[in-house]
């Protein structure tokens, strides 16, 4: 006798009416989030430097990328996934130093201005988002 698998249907993406009359998924810049990890960790001795390196590598393994020294950012598809990422980072916090986690919407991140010296430079492009089922 064959066992039947319980096949779940994928959750639907909230849709809003389009002026063209076509239904399209809601990929608003207010739904996706960026998580910033900003940290100031001691590097006074060999053990402290190891803890710093371990925390930095843990951020990189979780998909963060360096914006500046001790400032890392990661894109999350929703606020729920951003909350999960915050909890995940809290599990690898070093015992000493300061770590700050900040969440901003994709829209707010797009308004960031970057300067090199007195000249304004173009900000990083956010990654292309695709929904895979």
N, C-alpha and C. Protein backbone atom coordinates (compact mmCIF):
# COMPACT_ATOMS: atom_id res chain seq x y z
N UNK A 1 0.83 -1.18 0.00
CA UNK A 1 0.00 0.00 0.00
C UNK A 1 0.89 1.25 0.00
N UNK A 2 0.58 2.17 -0.86
CA UNK A 2 1.37 3.40 -0.96
C UNK A 2 0.90 4.42 0.06
N UNK A 3 1.87 5.10 0.60
CA UNK A 3 1.55 6.20 1.52
C UNK A 3 1.35 7.47 0.73
N UNK A 4 0.41 8.22 1.13
CA UNK A 4 0.14 9.48 0.49
C UNK A 4 0.86 10.59 1.21
N UNK A 5 1.54 11.42 0.47
CA UNK A 5 2.21 12.57 1.08
C UNK A 5 1.22 13.69 1.32
N UNK A 6 1.45 14.38 2.39
CA UNK A 6 0.64 15.55 2.67
C UNK A 6 1.25 16.72 1.92
N UNK A 7 0.64 17.11 0.86
CA UNK A 7 1.18 18.20 0.05
C UNK A 7 0.54 19.51 0.47
N UNK A 8 1.39 20.39 0.92
CA UNK A 8 0.90 21.71 1.33
C UNK A 8 0.92 22.64 0.14
N UNK A 9 -0.06 23.45 0.04
CA UNK A 9 -0.06 24.46 -1.01
C UNK A 9 0.73 25.65 -0.51
N UNK A 10 1.55 26.27 -1.38
CA UNK A 10 2.32 27.43 -0.93
C UNK A 10 1.39 28.59 -0.55
N UNK A 11 1.86 29.37 0.42
CA UNK A 11 1.08 30.53 0.83
C UNK A 11 1.05 31.56 -0.28
N UNK A 12 -0.09 32.19 -0.40
CA UNK A 12 -0.22 33.20 -1.45
C UNK A 12 0.39 34.51 -1.00
N UNK A 13 0.97 35.21 -1.95
CA UNK A 13 1.53 36.53 -1.69
C UNK A 13 0.37 37.52 -1.75
N UNK A 14 0.27 38.43 -0.79
CA UNK A 14 -0.81 39.41 -0.84
C UNK A 14 -0.75 40.21 -2.14
N UNK A 15 -1.89 40.36 -2.76
CA UNK A 15 -1.93 41.06 -4.04
C UNK A 15 -2.79 42.31 -3.91
N UNK A 16 -2.50 43.27 -4.75
CA UNK A 16 -3.30 44.47 -4.79
C UNK A 16 -3.67 44.74 -6.24
N UNK A 17 -4.81 45.38 -6.47
CA UNK A 17 -5.21 45.63 -7.86
C UNK A 17 -4.23 46.55 -8.55
N UNK A 18 -3.91 46.23 -9.76
CA UNK A 18 -2.97 46.99 -10.57
C UNK A 18 -3.74 47.90 -11.50
N UNK A 19 -3.23 49.08 -11.82
CA UNK A 19 -3.95 49.96 -12.75
C UNK A 19 -4.20 49.30 -14.11
N UNK A 20 -3.33 48.36 -14.48
CA UNK A 20 -3.51 47.68 -15.76
C UNK A 20 -4.60 46.62 -15.70
N UNK A 21 -5.10 46.35 -14.50
CA UNK A 21 -6.11 45.32 -14.35
C UNK A 21 -5.52 43.95 -14.07
N UNK A 22 -4.19 43.85 -14.03
CA UNK A 22 -3.54 42.58 -13.76
C UNK A 22 -3.22 42.51 -12.27
N UNK A 23 -3.33 41.31 -11.74
CA UNK A 23 -2.97 41.12 -10.33
C UNK A 23 -1.49 40.78 -10.25
N UNK A 24 -0.76 41.55 -9.47
CA UNK A 24 0.67 41.34 -9.29
C UNK A 24 0.98 41.25 -7.81
N UNK A 25 2.03 40.51 -7.45
CA UNK A 25 2.39 40.43 -6.02
C UNK A 25 2.80 41.79 -5.47
N UNK A 26 2.63 41.94 -4.17
CA UNK A 26 2.97 43.20 -3.49
C UNK A 26 4.43 43.17 -3.07
N UNK A 27 5.32 43.79 -3.85
CA UNK A 27 6.75 43.88 -3.52
C UNK A 27 7.07 45.30 -3.10
N UNK A 28 6.41 45.76 -2.10
CA UNK A 28 6.58 47.13 -1.62
C UNK A 28 7.93 47.30 -0.94
N UNK A 29 8.50 48.49 -1.06
CA UNK A 29 9.75 48.80 -0.38
C UNK A 29 9.59 48.91 1.12
N UNK A 30 8.34 48.86 1.59
CA UNK A 30 8.10 48.95 3.03
C UNK A 30 8.00 47.58 3.68
N UNK A 31 7.93 46.51 2.90
CA UNK A 31 7.80 45.16 3.47
C UNK A 31 9.16 44.53 3.75
N UNK A 32 10.10 44.70 2.84
CA UNK A 32 11.42 44.09 3.06
C UNK A 32 12.25 44.98 3.98
N UNK A 33 13.16 44.34 4.70
CA UNK A 33 13.92 45.04 5.74
C UNK A 33 15.41 44.83 5.55
N UNK A 34 16.17 45.76 6.07
CA UNK A 34 17.62 45.63 6.19
C UNK A 34 17.96 45.61 7.66
N UNK A 35 18.80 44.67 8.05
CA UNK A 35 19.27 44.59 9.44
C UNK A 35 20.72 45.07 9.45
N UNK A 36 21.01 46.04 10.29
CA UNK A 36 22.37 46.54 10.47
C UNK A 36 22.89 46.00 11.80
N UNK A 37 24.09 45.46 11.77
CA UNK A 37 24.78 45.04 12.99
C UNK A 37 25.98 45.97 13.15
N UNK A 38 25.96 46.78 14.19
CA UNK A 38 27.04 47.72 14.47
C UNK A 38 27.66 47.31 15.80
N UNK A 39 28.95 47.13 15.81
CA UNK A 39 29.55 46.61 17.04
C UNK A 39 30.87 47.28 17.34
N UNK A 40 31.15 47.34 18.64
CA UNK A 40 32.40 47.87 19.17
C UNK A 40 32.88 46.85 20.19
N UNK A 41 33.80 45.99 19.75
CA UNK A 41 34.27 44.91 20.60
C UNK A 41 35.72 45.13 20.98
N UNK A 42 36.11 44.75 22.19
CA UNK A 42 37.50 44.93 22.60
C UNK A 42 38.43 44.00 21.82
N UNK A 43 39.62 44.51 21.50
CA UNK A 43 40.65 43.72 20.82
C UNK A 43 41.99 43.93 21.54
N UNK A 44 41.93 43.99 22.88
CA UNK A 44 43.11 44.32 23.67
C UNK A 44 44.08 43.16 23.84
N UNK A 45 43.55 41.93 23.84
CA UNK A 45 44.44 40.78 23.98
C UNK A 45 44.07 39.71 22.95
N UNK A 46 44.81 38.62 22.96
CA UNK A 46 44.64 37.59 21.95
C UNK A 46 43.25 36.94 22.01
N UNK A 47 42.76 36.68 23.21
CA UNK A 47 41.44 36.06 23.39
C UNK A 47 40.35 36.99 22.87
N UNK A 48 40.45 38.28 23.17
CA UNK A 48 39.45 39.26 22.72
C UNK A 48 39.46 39.37 21.19
N UNK A 49 40.65 39.35 20.58
CA UNK A 49 40.73 39.40 19.11
C UNK A 49 40.08 38.17 18.49
N UNK A 50 40.25 37.01 19.13
CA UNK A 50 39.62 35.78 18.63
C UNK A 50 38.09 35.89 18.70
N UNK A 51 37.59 36.45 19.80
CA UNK A 51 36.14 36.63 19.94
C UNK A 51 35.60 37.59 18.89
N UNK A 52 36.35 38.66 18.64
CA UNK A 52 35.98 39.62 17.60
C UNK A 52 35.90 38.92 16.24
N UNK A 53 36.93 38.17 15.90
CA UNK A 53 36.97 37.48 14.61
C UNK A 53 35.86 36.44 14.51
N UNK A 54 35.59 35.73 15.58
CA UNK A 54 34.54 34.71 15.59
C UNK A 54 33.16 35.35 15.34
N UNK A 55 32.90 36.49 16.00
CA UNK A 55 31.62 37.18 15.83
C UNK A 55 31.49 37.71 14.40
N UNK A 56 32.55 38.30 13.89
CA UNK A 56 32.54 38.84 12.53
C UNK A 56 32.28 37.73 11.51
N UNK A 57 32.93 36.59 11.68
CA UNK A 57 32.73 35.45 10.77
C UNK A 57 31.32 34.88 10.89
N UNK A 58 30.76 34.92 12.10
CA UNK A 58 29.38 34.45 12.29
C UNK A 58 28.41 35.33 11.52
N UNK A 59 28.65 36.65 11.51
CA UNK A 59 27.81 37.56 10.73
C UNK A 59 27.92 37.25 9.24
N UNK A 60 29.13 37.03 8.76
CA UNK A 60 29.34 36.73 7.34
C UNK A 60 28.65 35.42 6.96
N UNK A 61 28.71 34.41 7.82
CA UNK A 61 28.04 33.14 7.53
C UNK A 61 26.53 33.31 7.46
N UNK A 62 26.00 34.28 8.17
CA UNK A 62 24.55 34.52 8.18
C UNK A 62 24.11 35.45 7.05
N UNK A 63 25.02 35.80 6.17
CA UNK A 63 24.64 36.59 5.00
C UNK A 63 24.85 38.08 5.12
N UNK A 64 25.48 38.54 6.18
CA UNK A 64 25.76 39.96 6.33
C UNK A 64 26.93 40.34 5.43
N UNK A 65 26.96 41.57 5.00
CA UNK A 65 28.11 42.07 4.25
C UNK A 65 28.58 43.37 4.89
N UNK A 66 29.87 43.65 4.78
CA UNK A 66 30.46 44.80 5.45
C UNK A 66 30.16 46.09 4.68
N UNK A 67 29.60 47.07 5.38
CA UNK A 67 29.42 48.40 4.81
C UNK A 67 30.58 49.29 5.18
N UNK A 68 31.00 49.21 6.43
CA UNK A 68 32.15 49.93 6.96
C UNK A 68 32.76 49.04 8.02
N UNK A 69 33.91 49.44 8.56
CA UNK A 69 34.48 48.66 9.64
C UNK A 69 33.48 48.59 10.78
N UNK A 70 33.21 47.41 11.25
CA UNK A 70 32.29 47.15 12.37
C UNK A 70 30.85 47.54 12.08
N UNK A 71 30.48 47.70 10.82
CA UNK A 71 29.09 47.94 10.43
C UNK A 71 28.76 46.97 9.30
N UNK A 72 27.85 46.05 9.59
CA UNK A 72 27.47 45.02 8.63
C UNK A 72 25.97 45.10 8.39
N UNK A 73 25.53 44.72 7.20
CA UNK A 73 24.11 44.79 6.86
C UNK A 73 23.69 43.52 6.12
N UNK A 74 22.41 43.18 6.28
CA UNK A 74 21.84 42.03 5.61
C UNK A 74 20.41 42.35 5.21
N UNK A 75 20.03 41.92 4.01
CA UNK A 75 18.67 42.12 3.53
C UNK A 75 17.80 40.96 3.98
N UNK A 76 16.59 41.28 4.44
CA UNK A 76 15.61 40.26 4.83
C UNK A 76 14.33 40.53 4.06
N UNK A 77 13.67 39.48 3.63
CA UNK A 77 12.49 39.62 2.77
C UNK A 77 11.29 40.21 3.50
N UNK A 78 11.22 40.03 4.82
CA UNK A 78 10.07 40.54 5.57
C UNK A 78 10.50 40.89 6.98
N UNK A 79 9.58 41.50 7.70
CA UNK A 79 9.88 41.86 9.09
C UNK A 79 10.00 40.61 9.96
N UNK A 80 9.24 39.57 9.64
CA UNK A 80 9.34 38.31 10.38
C UNK A 80 10.72 37.68 10.22
N UNK A 81 11.22 37.65 8.99
CA UNK A 81 12.55 37.07 8.78
C UNK A 81 13.63 37.95 9.43
N UNK A 82 13.40 39.26 9.49
CA UNK A 82 14.33 40.15 10.18
C UNK A 82 14.35 39.86 11.68
N UNK A 83 13.18 39.59 12.26
CA UNK A 83 13.12 39.24 13.68
C UNK A 83 13.84 37.92 13.95
N UNK A 84 13.67 36.97 13.05
CA UNK A 84 14.38 35.69 13.20
C UNK A 84 15.89 35.90 13.11
N UNK A 85 16.32 36.78 12.23
CA UNK A 85 17.75 37.05 12.09
C UNK A 85 18.29 37.73 13.34
N UNK A 86 17.51 38.64 13.93
CA UNK A 86 17.93 39.28 15.18
C UNK A 86 18.15 38.24 16.28
N UNK A 87 17.20 37.32 16.40
CA UNK A 87 17.34 36.26 17.41
C UNK A 87 18.55 35.38 17.12
N UNK A 88 18.80 35.12 15.85
CA UNK A 88 19.94 34.30 15.46
C UNK A 88 21.26 34.99 15.82
N UNK A 89 21.34 36.29 15.60
CA UNK A 89 22.56 37.04 15.94
C UNK A 89 22.74 37.11 17.45
N UNK A 90 21.65 37.22 18.18
CA UNK A 90 21.75 37.28 19.64
C UNK A 90 22.37 36.01 20.22
N UNK A 91 22.23 34.89 19.53
CA UNK A 91 22.79 33.63 20.02
C UNK A 91 24.31 33.61 19.95
N UNK A 92 24.91 34.44 19.08
CA UNK A 92 26.37 34.41 18.91
C UNK A 92 27.05 35.66 19.45
N UNK A 93 26.35 36.43 20.28
CA UNK A 93 26.94 37.64 20.85
C UNK A 93 28.14 37.31 21.72
N UNK A 94 29.22 38.09 21.59
CA UNK A 94 30.37 37.88 22.47
C UNK A 94 30.06 38.39 23.88
N UNK A 95 30.81 37.91 24.89
CA UNK A 95 30.49 38.29 26.27
C UNK A 95 30.80 39.75 26.62
N UNK A 96 31.71 40.40 25.88
CA UNK A 96 32.08 41.78 26.19
C UNK A 96 31.91 42.65 24.95
N UNK A 97 31.76 43.96 25.18
CA UNK A 97 31.62 44.89 24.07
C UNK A 97 30.17 45.25 23.81
N UNK A 98 29.97 46.07 22.79
CA UNK A 98 28.63 46.52 22.43
C UNK A 98 28.28 46.04 21.04
N UNK A 99 27.04 45.56 20.88
CA UNK A 99 26.50 45.19 19.58
C UNK A 99 25.13 45.83 19.48
N UNK A 100 24.90 46.53 18.40
CA UNK A 100 23.60 47.17 18.17
C UNK A 100 23.01 46.61 16.88
N UNK A 101 21.73 46.24 16.93
CA UNK A 101 21.03 45.76 15.74
C UNK A 101 19.95 46.77 15.40
N UNK A 102 19.92 47.19 14.16
CA UNK A 102 18.97 48.20 13.70
C UNK A 102 18.28 47.68 12.46
N UNK A 103 16.96 47.79 12.43
CA UNK A 103 16.19 47.39 11.25
C UNK A 103 15.62 48.61 10.55
N UNK A 104 15.81 48.68 9.24
CA UNK A 104 15.22 49.75 8.45
C UNK A 104 14.54 49.12 7.23
N UNK A 105 13.54 49.79 6.70
CA UNK A 105 12.86 49.26 5.53
C UNK A 105 13.74 49.44 4.30
N UNK A 106 13.42 48.70 3.27
CA UNK A 106 14.17 48.80 2.02
C UNK A 106 14.05 50.21 1.45
N UNK A 107 12.91 50.81 1.64
CA UNK A 107 12.68 52.18 1.17
C UNK A 107 13.62 53.17 1.88
N UNK A 108 13.75 53.03 3.20
CA UNK A 108 14.64 53.90 3.96
C UNK A 108 16.10 53.66 3.56
N UNK A 109 16.46 52.39 3.35
CA UNK A 109 17.83 52.07 2.94
C UNK A 109 18.16 52.72 1.60
N UNK A 110 17.18 52.78 0.71
CA UNK A 110 17.38 53.40 -0.60
C UNK A 110 17.65 54.89 -0.53
N UNK A 111 17.28 55.53 0.57
CA UNK A 111 17.50 56.97 0.72
C UNK A 111 18.87 57.29 1.34
N UNK A 112 19.68 56.26 1.59
CA UNK A 112 20.99 56.46 2.19
C UNK A 112 21.89 57.25 1.23
N UNK A 113 22.64 58.16 1.79
CA UNK A 113 23.63 58.91 1.00
C UNK A 113 25.02 58.46 1.44
N UNK A 114 25.89 58.26 0.48
CA UNK A 114 27.25 57.81 0.75
C UNK A 114 28.21 58.86 0.22
N UNK A 115 29.20 59.24 1.04
CA UNK A 115 30.18 60.25 0.64
C UNK A 115 31.58 59.67 0.78
N UNK A 116 32.42 59.91 -0.20
CA UNK A 116 33.84 59.60 -0.13
C UNK A 116 34.55 60.94 -0.10
N UNK A 117 35.05 61.32 1.07
CA UNK A 117 35.61 62.65 1.21
C UNK A 117 34.47 63.65 1.09
N UNK A 118 34.63 64.64 0.23
CA UNK A 118 33.56 65.62 0.03
C UNK A 118 32.70 65.29 -1.16
N UNK A 119 33.10 64.27 -1.93
CA UNK A 119 32.33 63.91 -3.11
C UNK A 119 31.29 62.85 -2.77
N UNK A 120 30.11 63.03 -3.32
CA UNK A 120 29.04 62.07 -3.11
C UNK A 120 29.24 60.90 -4.06
N UNK A 121 29.06 59.71 -3.54
CA UNK A 121 29.19 58.50 -4.35
C UNK A 121 27.84 57.81 -4.42
N UNK A 122 27.69 56.95 -5.39
CA UNK A 122 26.43 56.22 -5.54
C UNK A 122 26.34 55.13 -4.47
N UNK A 123 25.19 55.02 -3.84
CA UNK A 123 24.98 54.00 -2.82
C UNK A 123 24.88 52.62 -3.46
N UNK A 124 25.09 51.58 -2.64
CA UNK A 124 25.01 50.22 -3.14
C UNK A 124 23.60 49.92 -3.61
N UNK A 125 23.49 49.16 -4.68
CA UNK A 125 22.18 48.74 -5.16
C UNK A 125 21.67 47.61 -4.27
N UNK A 126 20.39 47.66 -3.91
CA UNK A 126 19.85 46.54 -3.15
C UNK A 126 19.78 45.31 -4.04
N UNK A 127 19.85 44.12 -3.44
CA UNK A 127 19.83 42.91 -4.26
C UNK A 127 18.46 42.72 -4.91
N UNK A 128 18.46 42.09 -6.08
CA UNK A 128 17.21 41.78 -6.76
C UNK A 128 16.47 40.73 -5.96
N UNK A 129 15.18 40.90 -5.80
CA UNK A 129 14.38 39.98 -5.00
C UNK A 129 13.50 39.13 -5.91
N UNK A 130 13.56 37.84 -5.69
CA UNK A 130 12.73 36.89 -6.43
C UNK A 130 12.03 36.00 -5.42
N UNK A 131 10.81 35.68 -5.69
CA UNK A 131 10.07 34.76 -4.83
C UNK A 131 10.09 33.39 -5.48
N UNK A 132 10.65 32.41 -4.80
CA UNK A 132 10.69 31.05 -5.30
C UNK A 132 9.78 30.18 -4.45
N UNK A 133 9.07 29.33 -5.10
CA UNK A 133 8.18 28.43 -4.38
C UNK A 133 8.66 27.02 -4.54
